[in-house]
Amino acid sequence: MKTSHRHRRAAALLETLDLGSSIAEQDTLLQSARVETSAFSDLLQDKVDLIPGTKGSGKSALFRMFVDFLPEQLLTARKVVIAHGVQRHGDNVFHVFEDQFKKLNENDFVSFWCIYFTSLIYEQFIKGEIYQPYLKGARTEIEKFRDVCVKARIPEIKAKKSLLDILAWTLGVLRSWAPRLRYKLPGDGGDFEMDLFGGPSSLTSNRGDLISEVDLPRYVAELKDTLEAVLRKADLSIWLMIDRLDEIFLRRSKLEARALRGLLRCTRLFSTPSIRIKIFL
């Protein structure tokens, strides 16, 4: 009887235990029970930009430590801003735009990621309430950054944007960056211009019968330089963190290959000592 009673008490006690979740995004104990591995230390010390690992290896747990629990600590102790571009586990906002992604070549993806990172910086850093005390003395530099964004057709939108909004906005900007083909219509029909996505253009010109314009990516150097000026003035650096790429694009597909090659090329264009892109892959 005593043994049976002890077993029931032990079973009741076990039922009350919270062992967390096997899914990092749903784990309520991740902050208090986290294990700071060598990968954690390397990332914290800015020794790595690419964090590889198979599914279930702990990448998302590591990602969540940095975006959910450490931003204020990193800001005050290291002057590091954390910006990120994913939603909760299972949200498939990227899939909404799958048909548009399929039309992009590798160069388009370089531009897509550059615009996307600029959008995240705008939303989460320039407009972030927690960073305003640091940005008080950088108003001139911020205006220059905004001016370049306007030139690059990345205007400020006052309302708060979700990731879905940012993706739609990014693809819209990319369409405006697209090289254009201009055709001279027969007779007095004038010129007709369309972008390489098949959409009509509002630009007009009398040049030539068929003209290809603009190598991609555009404006990246100016965006990077003006952002660096903001960061220097505020004495900050920024880490852009991207996770769950395996959920965004179909594994081992041609689309995934184009997207990832474009992302890696973008990191070379956009990264500086004060602008770091951290990819969990």
C-alpha atoms as a PDB file:
ATOM      1  CA  MET A   1       0.000   0.000   0.000  1.00  0.00           C
ATOM      2  CA  LYS A   2       2.771   2.437   0.913  1.00  0.00           C
ATOM      3  CA  THR A   3       4.609   1.718  -2.351  1.00  0.00           C
ATOM      4  CA  SER A   4       1.427   2.236  -4.381  1.00  0.00           C
ATOM      5  CA  HIS A   5       0.761   5.514  -2.565  1.00  0.00           C
ATOM      6  CA  ARG A   6       4.294   6.719  -3.283  1.00  0.00           C
ATOM      7  CA  HIS A   7       3.872   5.810  -6.948  1.00  0.00           C
ATOM      8  CA  ARG A   8       0.653   7.827  -7.161  1.00  0.00           C
ATOM      9  CA  ARG A   9       2.303  10.802  -5.474  1.00  0.00           C
ATOM     10  CA  ALA A  10       5.289  10.556  -7.816  1.00  0.00           C
ATOM     11  CA  ALA A  11       2.975  10.329 -10.832  1.00  0.00           C
ATOM     12  CA  ALA A  12       1.021  13.366  -9.618  1.00  0.00           C
ATOM     13  CA  LEU A  13       4.244  15.307  -9.095  1.00  0.00           C
ATOM     14  CA  LEU A  14       5.511  14.435 -12.582  1.00  0.00           C
ATOM     15  CA  GLU A  15       2.269  15.691 -14.100  1.00  0.00           C
ATOM     16  CA  THR A  16       2.901  19.121 -12.586  1.00  0.00           C
ATOM     17  CA  LEU A  17       6.410  19.403 -14.017  1.00  0.00           C
ATOM     18  CA  ASP A  18       6.907  21.723 -16.984  1.00  0.00           C
ATOM     19  CA  LEU A  19       9.747  20.394 -19.106  1.00  0.00           C
ATOM     20  CA  GLY A  20       9.294  23.003 -21.803  1.00  0.00           C
ATOM     21  CA  SER A  21       8.533  22.314 -25.454  1.00  0.00           C
ATOM     22  CA  SER A  22      10.394  20.416 -28.152  1.00  0.00           C
ATOM     23  CA  ILE A  23       9.699  23.394 -30.430  1.00  0.00           C
ATOM     24  CA  ALA A  24      11.971  26.300 -29.527  1.00  0.00           C
ATOM     25  CA  GLU A  25       9.415  28.962 -30.499  1.00  0.00           C
ATOM     26  CA  GLN A  26       6.932  27.475 -28.016  1.00  0.00           C
ATOM     27  CA  ASP A  27       9.338  26.748 -25.156  1.00  0.00           C
ATOM     28  CA  THR A  28       8.425  28.828 -22.093  1.00  0.00           C
ATOM     29  CA  LEU A  29      11.539  27.698 -20.204  1.00  0.00           C
ATOM     30  CA  LEU A  30      14.106  28.609 -22.816  1.00  0.00           C
ATOM     31  CA  GLN A  31      15.333  31.729 -21.049  1.00  0.00           C
ATOM     32  CA  SER A  32      15.743  30.220 -17.582  1.00  0.00           C
ATOM     33  CA  ALA A  33      16.904  26.747 -18.672  1.00  0.00           C
ATOM     34  CA  ARG A  34      19.061  27.646 -21.647  1.00  0.00           C
ATOM     35  CA  VAL A  35      22.468  26.041 -22.115  1.00  0.00           C
ATOM     36  CA  GLU A  36      25.108  28.461 -23.375  1.00  0.00           C
ATOM     37  CA  THR A  37      27.074  26.315 -25.822  1.00  0.00           C
ATOM     38  CA  SER A  38      30.201  27.166 -27.803  1.00  0.00           C
ATOM     39  CA  ALA A  39      27.912  28.216 -30.673  1.00  0.00           C
ATOM     40  CA  PHE A  40      26.218  30.666 -28.300  1.00  0.00           C
ATOM     41  CA  SER A  41      29.587  32.077 -27.202  1.00  0.00           C
ATOM     42  CA  ASP A  42      30.894  32.391 -30.767  1.00  0.00           C
ATOM     43  CA  LEU A  43      27.770  34.256 -31.836  1.00  0.00           C
ATOM     44  CA  LEU A  44      27.766  36.479 -28.765  1.00  0.00           C
ATOM     45  CA  GLN A  45      31.391  37.448 -29.460  1.00  0.00           C
ATOM     46  CA  ASP A  46      30.593  38.138 -33.140  1.00  0.00           C
ATOM     47  CA  LYS A  47      32.976  35.410 -34.305  1.00  0.00           C
ATOM     48  CA  VAL A  48      30.493  33.824 -36.733  1.00  0.00           C
ATOM     49  CA  ASP A  49      27.950  35.048 -39.272  1.00  0.00           C
ATOM     50  CA  LEU A  50      26.756  31.663 -40.558  1.00  0.00           C
ATOM     51  CA  ILE A  51      25.225  29.285 -38.010  1.00  0.00           C
ATOM     52  CA  PRO A  52      24.665  25.930 -39.779  1.00  0.00           C
ATOM     53  CA  GLY A  53      22.847  22.915 -38.431  1.00  0.00           C
ATOM     54  CA  THR A  54      20.344  20.229 -39.334  1.00  0.00           C
ATOM     55  CA  LYS A  55      16.706  20.520 -38.286  1.00  0.00           C
ATOM     56  CA  GLY A  56      16.448  19.929 -34.531  1.00  0.00           C
ATOM     57  CA  SER A  57      20.061  20.880 -33.833  1.00  0.00           C
ATOM     58  CA  GLY A  58      19.092  23.918 -31.743  1.00  0.00           C
ATOM     59  CA  LYS A  59      19.451  26.754 -34.272  1.00  0.00           C
ATOM     60  CA  SER A  60      16.002  28.177 -33.560  1.00  0.00           C
ATOM     61  CA  ALA A  61      16.561  27.993 -29.801  1.00  0.00           C
ATOM     62  CA  LEU A  62      19.810  29.931 -30.236  1.00  0.00           C
ATOM     63  CA  PHE A  63      18.071  32.413 -32.533  1.00  0.00           C
ATOM     64  CA  ARG A  64      15.286  32.961 -30.007  1.00  0.00           C
ATOM     65  CA  MET A  65      17.752  33.583 -27.178  1.00  0.00           C
ATOM     66  CA  PHE A  66      19.140  36.519 -29.117  1.00  0.00           C
ATOM     67  CA  VAL A  67      15.926  38.030 -30.492  1.00  0.00           C
ATOM     68  CA  ASP A  68      13.647  37.433 -27.481  1.00  0.00           C
ATOM     69  CA  PHE A  69      15.832  37.570 -24.382  1.00  0.00           C
ATOM     70  CA  LEU A  70      19.108  39.391 -25.081  1.00  0.00           C
ATOM     71  CA  PRO A  71      18.339  42.581 -27.091  1.00  0.00           C
ATOM     72  CA  GLU A  72      18.294  44.951 -24.097  1.00  0.00           C
ATOM     73  CA  GLN A  73      21.396  43.351 -22.574  1.00  0.00           C
ATOM     74  CA  LEU A  74      23.278  43.522 -25.884  1.00  0.00           C
ATOM     75  CA  LEU A  75      22.200  47.122 -26.386  1.00  0.00           C
ATOM     76  CA  THR A  76      23.333  48.354 -22.982  1.00  0.00           C
ATOM     77  CA  ALA A  77      26.454  46.214 -22.612  1.00  0.00           C
ATOM     78  CA  ARG A  78      27.666  45.899 -26.213  1.00  0.00           C
ATOM     79  CA  LYS A  79      25.856  48.722 -28.089  1.00  0.00           C
ATOM     80  CA  VAL A  80      24.424  46.085 -30.451  1.00  0.00           C
ATOM     81  CA  VAL A  81      20.977  46.406 -32.077  1.00  0.00           C
ATOM     82  CA  ILE A  82      19.172  43.151 -32.904  1.00  0.00           C
ATOM     83  CA  ALA A  83      16.810  43.120 -35.894  1.00  0.00           C
ATOM     84  CA  HIS A  84      15.230  39.993 -37.297  1.00  0.00           C
ATOM     85  CA  GLY A  85      12.965  38.861 -40.096  1.00  0.00           C
ATOM     86  CA  VAL A  86      10.877  35.854 -39.122  1.00  0.00           C
ATOM     87  CA  GLN A  87       7.471  35.261 -37.586  1.00  0.00           C
ATOM     88  CA  ARG A  88       6.380  32.635 -35.084  1.00  0.00           C
ATOM     89  CA  HIS A  89       6.763  28.924 -35.870  1.00  0.00           C
ATOM     90  CA  GLY A  90       4.287  27.803 -38.503  1.00  0.00           C
ATOM     91  CA  ASP A  91       3.543  31.252 -39.965  1.00  0.00           C
ATOM     92  CA  ASN A  92       3.949  30.957 -43.705  1.00  0.00           C
ATOM     93  CA  VAL A  93       3.881  34.576 -44.801  1.00  0.00           C
ATOM     94  CA  PHE A  94       6.689  33.982 -47.319  1.00  0.00           C
ATOM     95  CA  HIS A  95       4.526  31.350 -49.008  1.00  0.00           C
ATOM     96  CA  VAL A  96       1.923  33.998 -49.840  1.00  0.00           C
ATOM     97  CA  PHE A  97       4.414  35.370 -52.375  1.00  0.00           C
ATOM     98  CA  GLU A  98       5.678  32.039 -53.715  1.00  0.00           C
ATOM     99  CA  ASP A  99       4.570  32.739 -57.291  1.00  0.00           C
ATOM    100  CA  GLN A 100       6.447  36.052 -57.280  1.00  0.00           C
ATOM    101  CA  PHE A 101       9.589  34.456 -55.827  1.00  0.00           C
ATOM    102  CA  LYS A 102       9.598  31.846 -58.598  1.00  0.00           C
ATOM    103  CA  LYS A 103      10.026  34.657 -61.148  1.00  0.00           C
ATOM    104  CA  LEU A 104      13.206  35.990 -59.520  1.00  0.00           C
ATOM    105  CA  ASN A 105      16.655  35.090 -60.772  1.00  0.00           C
ATOM    106  CA  GLU A 106      19.762  35.110 -58.577  1.00  0.00           C
ATOM    107  CA  ASN A 107      20.516  38.790 -59.218  1.00  0.00           C
ATOM    108  CA  ASP A 108      16.915  39.673 -58.357  1.00  0.00           C
ATOM    109  CA  PHE A 109      17.348  37.839 -55.045  1.00  0.00           C
ATOM    110  CA  VAL A 110      20.495  39.860 -54.262  1.00  0.00           C
ATOM    111  CA  SER A 111      18.402  42.998 -54.620  1.00  0.00           C
ATOM    112  CA  PHE A 112      15.447  41.443 -52.771  1.00  0.00           C
ATOM    113  CA  TRP A 113      17.559  40.686 -49.698  1.00  0.00           C
ATOM    114  CA  CYS A 114      19.198  44.139 -49.756  1.00  0.00           C
ATOM    115  CA  ILE A 115      15.788  45.845 -49.876  1.00  0.00           C
ATOM    116  CA  TYR A 116      14.410  43.450 -47.257  1.00  0.00           C
ATOM    117  CA  PHE A 117      17.255  44.169 -44.821  1.00  0.00           C
ATOM    118  CA  THR A 118      16.798  47.908 -45.365  1.00  0.00           C
ATOM    119  CA  SER A 119      13.090  47.490 -44.587  1.00  0.00           C
ATOM    120  CA  LEU A 120      13.847  45.625 -41.349  1.00  0.00           C
ATOM    121  CA  ILE A 121      16.363  48.305 -40.344  1.00  0.00           C
ATOM    122  CA  TYR A 122      13.799  51.009 -41.017  1.00  0.00           C
ATOM    123  CA  GLU A 123      11.047  49.279 -39.039  1.00  0.00           C
ATOM    124  CA  GLN A 124      12.959  47.789 -36.136  1.00  0.00           C
ATOM    125  CA  PHE A 125      15.849  50.221 -35.663  1.00  0.00           C
ATOM    126  CA  ILE A 126      15.157  53.690 -37.086  1.00  0.00           C
ATOM    127  CA  LYS A 127      11.533  53.575 -35.870  1.00  0.00           C
ATOM    128  CA  GLY A 128      12.151  51.421 -32.767  1.00  0.00           C
ATOM    129  CA  GLU A 129      11.175  53.153 -29.520  1.00  0.00           C
ATOM    130  CA  ILE A 130      13.956  51.539 -27.495  1.00  0.00           C
ATOM    131  CA  TYR A 131      16.602  53.090 -29.772  1.00  0.00           C
ATOM    132  CA  GLN A 132      15.312  56.671 -29.870  1.00  0.00           C
ATOM    133  CA  PRO A 133      17.524  57.887 -26.961  1.00  0.00           C
ATOM    134  CA  TYR A 134      20.573  56.656 -28.904  1.00  0.00           C
ATOM    135  CA  LEU A 135      19.398  58.308 -32.129  1.00  0.00           C
ATOM    136  CA  LYS A 136      18.740  61.800 -30.746  1.00  0.00           C
ATOM    137  CA  GLY A 137      22.110  63.102 -31.930  1.00  0.00           C
ATOM    138  CA  ALA A 138      21.912  61.411 -35.342  1.00  0.00           C
ATOM    139  CA  ARG A 139      18.975  63.293 -36.876  1.00  0.00           C
ATOM    140  CA  THR A 140      21.025  64.681 -39.782  1.00  0.00           C
ATOM    141  CA  GLU A 141      22.414  61.229 -40.611  1.00  0.00           C
ATOM    142  CA  ILE A 142      18.934  59.681 -40.359  1.00  0.00           C
ATOM    143  CA  GLU A 143      17.555  62.253 -42.804  1.00  0.00           C
ATOM    144  CA  LYS A 144      20.310  61.364 -45.280  1.00  0.00           C
ATOM    145  CA  PHE A 145      19.456  57.673 -44.873  1.00  0.00           C
ATOM    146  CA  ARG A 146      15.773  58.484 -45.454  1.00  0.00           C
ATOM    147  CA  ASP A 147      16.639  60.534 -48.541  1.00  0.00           C
ATOM    148  CA  VAL A 148      18.509  57.585 -50.029  1.00  0.00           C
ATOM    149  CA  CYS A 149      15.576  55.308 -49.186  1.00  0.00           C
ATOM    150  CA  VAL A 150      13.264  57.666 -51.075  1.00  0.00           C
ATOM    151  CA  LYS A 151      15.657  57.694 -54.065  1.00  0.00           C
ATOM    152  CA  ALA A 152      15.624  53.885 -53.935  1.00  0.00           C
ATOM    153  CA  ARG A 153      11.793  53.974 -53.848  1.00  0.00           C
ATOM    154  CA  ILE A 154      11.773  52.779 -50.237  1.00  0.00           C
ATOM    155  CA  PRO A 155       9.692  55.571 -48.663  1.00  0.00           C
ATOM    156  CA  GLU A 156       8.822  55.675 -44.992  1.00  0.00           C
ATOM    157  CA  ILE A 157       5.358  54.422 -44.112  1.00  0.00           C
ATOM    158  CA  LYS A 158       4.232  55.824 -40.794  1.00  0.00           C
ATOM    159  CA  ALA A 159       1.958  52.953 -39.767  1.00  0.00           C
ATOM    160  CA  LYS A 160       3.429  49.890 -38.074  1.00  0.00           C
ATOM    161  CA  LYS A 161       4.087  47.147 -40.610  1.00  0.00           C
ATOM    162  CA  SER A 162       3.891  43.388 -40.138  1.00  0.00           C
ATOM    163  CA  LEU A 163       6.308  40.975 -41.808  1.00  0.00           C
ATOM    164  CA  LEU A 164       3.619  40.367 -44.438  1.00  0.00           C
ATOM    165  CA  ASP A 165       3.521  44.119 -45.163  1.00  0.00           C
ATOM    166  CA  ILE A 166       7.330  44.313 -45.314  1.00  0.00           C
ATOM    167  CA  LEU A 167       7.515  41.425 -47.794  1.00  0.00           C
ATOM    168  CA  ALA A 168       4.828  42.940 -50.023  1.00  0.00           C
ATOM    169  CA  TRP A 169       6.603  46.295 -49.804  1.00  0.00           C
ATOM    170  CA  THR A 170       9.990  44.724 -50.597  1.00  0.00           C
ATOM    171  CA  LEU A 171       8.678  42.935 -53.690  1.00  0.00           C
ATOM    172  CA  GLY A 172       6.972  46.142 -54.788  1.00  0.00           C
ATOM    173  CA  VAL A 173      10.256  48.051 -54.520  1.00  0.00           C
ATOM    174  CA  LEU A 174      12.054  45.250 -56.374  1.00  0.00           C
ATOM    175  CA  ARG A 175       9.600  45.611 -59.256  1.00  0.00           C
ATOM    176  CA  SER A 176      10.465  49.308 -59.449  1.00  0.00           C
ATOM    177  CA  TRP A 177      14.186  48.408 -59.541  1.00  0.00           C
ATOM    178  CA  ALA A 178      13.734  45.922 -62.382  1.00  0.00           C
ATOM    179  CA  PRO A 179      15.573  46.522 -65.660  1.00  0.00           C
ATOM    180  CA  ARG A 180      13.157  47.777 -68.281  1.00  0.00           C
ATOM    181  CA  LEU A 181      12.684  47.029 -71.931  1.00  0.00           C
ATOM    182  CA  ARG A 182      11.337  49.783 -74.161  1.00  0.00           C
ATOM    183  CA  TYR A 183       9.666  49.065 -77.493  1.00  0.00           C
ATOM    184  CA  LYS A 184       8.941  51.581 -80.238  1.00  0.00           C
ATOM    185  CA  LEU A 185       5.453  50.864 -81.530  1.00  0.00           C
ATOM    186  CA  PRO A 186       4.839  50.881 -85.292  1.00  0.00           C
ATOM    187  CA  GLY A 187       3.893  54.101 -86.983  1.00  0.00           C
ATOM    188  CA  ASP A 188       3.043  56.945 -84.645  1.00  0.00           C
ATOM    189  CA  GLY A 189       2.163  54.621 -81.775  1.00  0.00           C
ATOM    190  CA  GLY A 190       4.919  56.032 -79.603  1.00  0.00           C
ATOM    191  CA  ASP A 191       7.019  54.133 -77.062  1.00  0.00           C
ATOM    192  CA  PHE A 192       5.823  51.334 -74.798  1.00  0.00           C
ATOM    193  CA  GLU A 193       7.908  50.276 -71.789  1.00  0.00           C
ATOM    194  CA  MET A 194       7.543  47.219 -69.559  1.00  0.00           C
ATOM    195  CA  ASP A 195       9.615  45.764 -66.754  1.00  0.00           C
ATOM    196  CA  LEU A 196      11.022  42.250 -66.845  1.00  0.00           C
ATOM    197  CA  PHE A 197       8.197  41.037 -64.601  1.00  0.00           C
ATOM    198  CA  GLY A 198       5.779  41.856 -67.414  1.00  0.00           C
ATOM    199  CA  GLY A 199       4.354  44.961 -65.781  1.00  0.00           C
ATOM    200  CA  PRO A 200       3.967  48.324 -67.518  1.00  0.00           C
ATOM    201  CA  SER A 201       6.237  51.178 -66.508  1.00  0.00           C
ATOM    202  CA  SER A 202       5.329  54.802 -65.847  1.00  0.00           C
ATOM    203  CA  LEU A 203       8.710  56.016 -67.206  1.00  0.00           C
ATOM    204  CA  THR A 204       8.846  57.619 -70.654  1.00  0.00           C
ATOM    205  CA  SER A 205      11.727  58.276 -72.991  1.00  0.00           C
ATOM    206  CA  ASN A 206      12.448  58.728 -76.668  1.00  0.00           C
ATOM    207  CA  ARG A 207      15.658  56.687 -76.639  1.00  0.00           C
ATOM    208  CA  GLY A 208      16.083  53.836 -79.119  1.00  0.00           C
ATOM    209  CA  ASP A 209      13.872  50.983 -80.249  1.00  0.00           C
ATOM    210  CA  LEU A 210      14.851  48.435 -77.573  1.00  0.00           C
ATOM    211  CA  ILE A 211      16.850  49.396 -74.513  1.00  0.00           C
ATOM    212  CA  SER A 212      17.854  47.472 -71.412  1.00  0.00           C
ATOM    213  CA  GLU A 213      18.560  49.658 -68.376  1.00  0.00           C
ATOM    214  CA  VAL A 214      20.083  49.423 -64.945  1.00  0.00           C
ATOM    215  CA  ASP A 215      22.279  46.718 -63.472  1.00  0.00           C
ATOM    216  CA  LEU A 216      21.156  45.346 -60.115  1.00  0.00           C
ATOM    217  CA  PRO A 217      21.438  45.913 -57.243  1.00  0.00           C
ATOM    218  CA  ARG A 218      20.947  49.673 -57.203  1.00  0.00           C
ATOM    219  CA  TYR A 219      21.483  52.110 -54.348  1.00  0.00           C
ATOM    220  CA  VAL A 220      23.048  49.462 -52.087  1.00  0.00           C
ATOM    221  CA  ALA A 221      26.308  51.363 -51.555  1.00  0.00           C
ATOM    222  CA  GLU A 222      24.461  54.576 -50.636  1.00  0.00           C
ATOM    223  CA  LEU A 223      22.063  52.769 -48.316  1.00  0.00           C
ATOM    224  CA  LYS A 224      24.956  51.025 -46.584  1.00  0.00           C
ATOM    225  CA  ASP A 225      27.072  54.187 -46.301  1.00  0.00           C
ATOM    226  CA  THR A 226      24.276  56.355 -44.889  1.00  0.00           C
ATOM    227  CA  LEU A 227      23.238  53.621 -42.450  1.00  0.00           C
ATOM    228  CA  GLU A 228      26.839  53.278 -41.289  1.00  0.00           C
ATOM    229  CA  ALA A 229      26.902  57.039 -40.691  1.00  0.00           C
ATOM    230  CA  VAL A 230      23.820  56.711 -38.455  1.00  0.00           C
ATOM    231  CA  LEU A 231      25.400  53.841 -36.525  1.00  0.00           C
ATOM    232  CA  ARG A 232      28.708  55.690 -36.056  1.00  0.00           C
ATOM    233  CA  LYS A 233      26.928  58.794 -34.776  1.00  0.00           C
ATOM    234  CA  ALA A 234      24.839  56.725 -32.357  1.00  0.00           C
ATOM    235  CA  ASP A 235      27.858  54.565 -31.383  1.00  0.00           C
ATOM    236  CA  LEU A 236      25.941  51.401 -32.273  1.00  0.00           C
ATOM    237  CA  SER A 237      26.229  48.356 -34.497  1.00  0.00           C
ATOM    238  CA  ILE A 238      23.385  46.222 -35.858  1.00  0.00           C
ATOM    239  CA  TRP A 239      22.960  42.476 -36.263  1.00  0.00           C
ATOM    240  CA  LEU A 240      20.363  41.315 -38.804  1.00  0.00           C
ATOM    241  CA  MET A 241      19.277  37.774 -37.948  1.00  0.00           C
ATOM    242  CA  ILE A 242      17.550  35.417 -40.374  1.00  0.00           C
ATOM    243  CA  ASP A 243      16.284  31.963 -39.355  1.00  0.00           C
ATOM    244  CA  ARG A 244      14.066  29.150 -40.691  1.00  0.00           C
ATOM    245  CA  LEU A 245      15.087  29.490 -44.327  1.00  0.00           C
ATOM    246  CA  ASP A 246      14.149  25.813 -44.689  1.00  0.00           C
ATOM    247  CA  GLU A 247      10.524  26.812 -44.037  1.00  0.00           C
ATOM    248  CA  ILE A 248      10.588  29.717 -46.481  1.00  0.00           C
ATOM    249  CA  PHE A 249      11.754  27.915 -49.628  1.00  0.00           C
ATOM    250  CA  LEU A 250      11.272  24.297 -50.663  1.00  0.00           C
ATOM    251  CA  ARG A 251      14.316  22.232 -49.668  1.00  0.00           C
ATOM    252  CA  ARG A 252      16.812  21.422 -52.428  1.00  0.00           C
ATOM    253  CA  SER A 253      14.724  23.232 -55.027  1.00  0.00           C
ATOM    254  CA  LYS A 254      16.089  25.518 -57.743  1.00  0.00           C
ATOM    255  CA  LEU A 255      14.203  28.371 -56.064  1.00  0.00           C
ATOM    256  CA  GLU A 256      15.966  27.708 -52.748  1.00  0.00           C
ATOM    257  CA  ALA A 257      19.358  27.585 -54.502  1.00  0.00           C
ATOM    258  CA  ARG A 258      18.743  30.958 -56.198  1.00  0.00           C
ATOM    259  CA  ALA A 259      17.460  32.521 -52.996  1.00  0.00           C
ATOM    260  CA  LEU A 260      20.370  31.297 -50.854  1.00  0.00           C
ATOM    261  CA  ARG A 261      23.036  32.230 -53.396  1.00  0.00           C
ATOM    262  CA  GLY A 262      21.463  35.678 -53.611  1.00  0.00           C
ATOM    263  CA  LEU A 263      21.439  35.927 -49.814  1.00  0.00           C
ATOM    264  CA  LEU A 264      25.114  34.991 -49.514  1.00  0.00           C
ATOM    265  CA  ARG A 265      26.055  37.495 -52.222  1.00  0.00           C
ATOM    266  CA  CYS A 266      23.996  40.128 -50.425  1.00  0.00           C
ATOM    267  CA  THR A 267      25.934  39.542 -47.204  1.00  0.00           C
ATOM    268  CA  ARG A 268      29.137  40.456 -49.038  1.00  0.00           C
ATOM    269  CA  LEU A 269      27.576  43.640 -50.420  1.00  0.00           C
ATOM    270  CA  PHE A 270      25.749  44.773 -47.297  1.00  0.00           C
ATOM    271  CA  SER A 271      27.917  43.618 -44.396  1.00  0.00           C
ATOM    272  CA  THR A 272      30.442  45.910 -42.705  1.00  0.00           C
ATOM    273  CA  PRO A 273      32.113  45.894 -39.278  1.00  0.00           C
ATOM    274  CA  SER A 274      29.026  47.688 -37.912  1.00  0.00           C
ATOM    275  CA  ILE A 275      26.366  45.909 -40.041  1.00  0.00           C
ATOM    276  CA  ARG A 276      26.387  42.166 -39.489  1.00  0.00           C
ATOM    277  CA  ILE A 277      24.076  39.617 -41.136  1.00  0.00           C
ATOM    278  CA  LYS A 278      23.671  36.436 -39.094  1.00  0.00           C
ATOM    279  CA  ILE A 279      22.183  33.522 -41.050  1.00  0.00           C
ATOM    280  CA  PHE A 280      20.847  30.446 -39.262  1.00  0.00           C
ATOM    281  CA  LEU A 281      20.939  27.813 -42.003  1.00  0.00           C
END
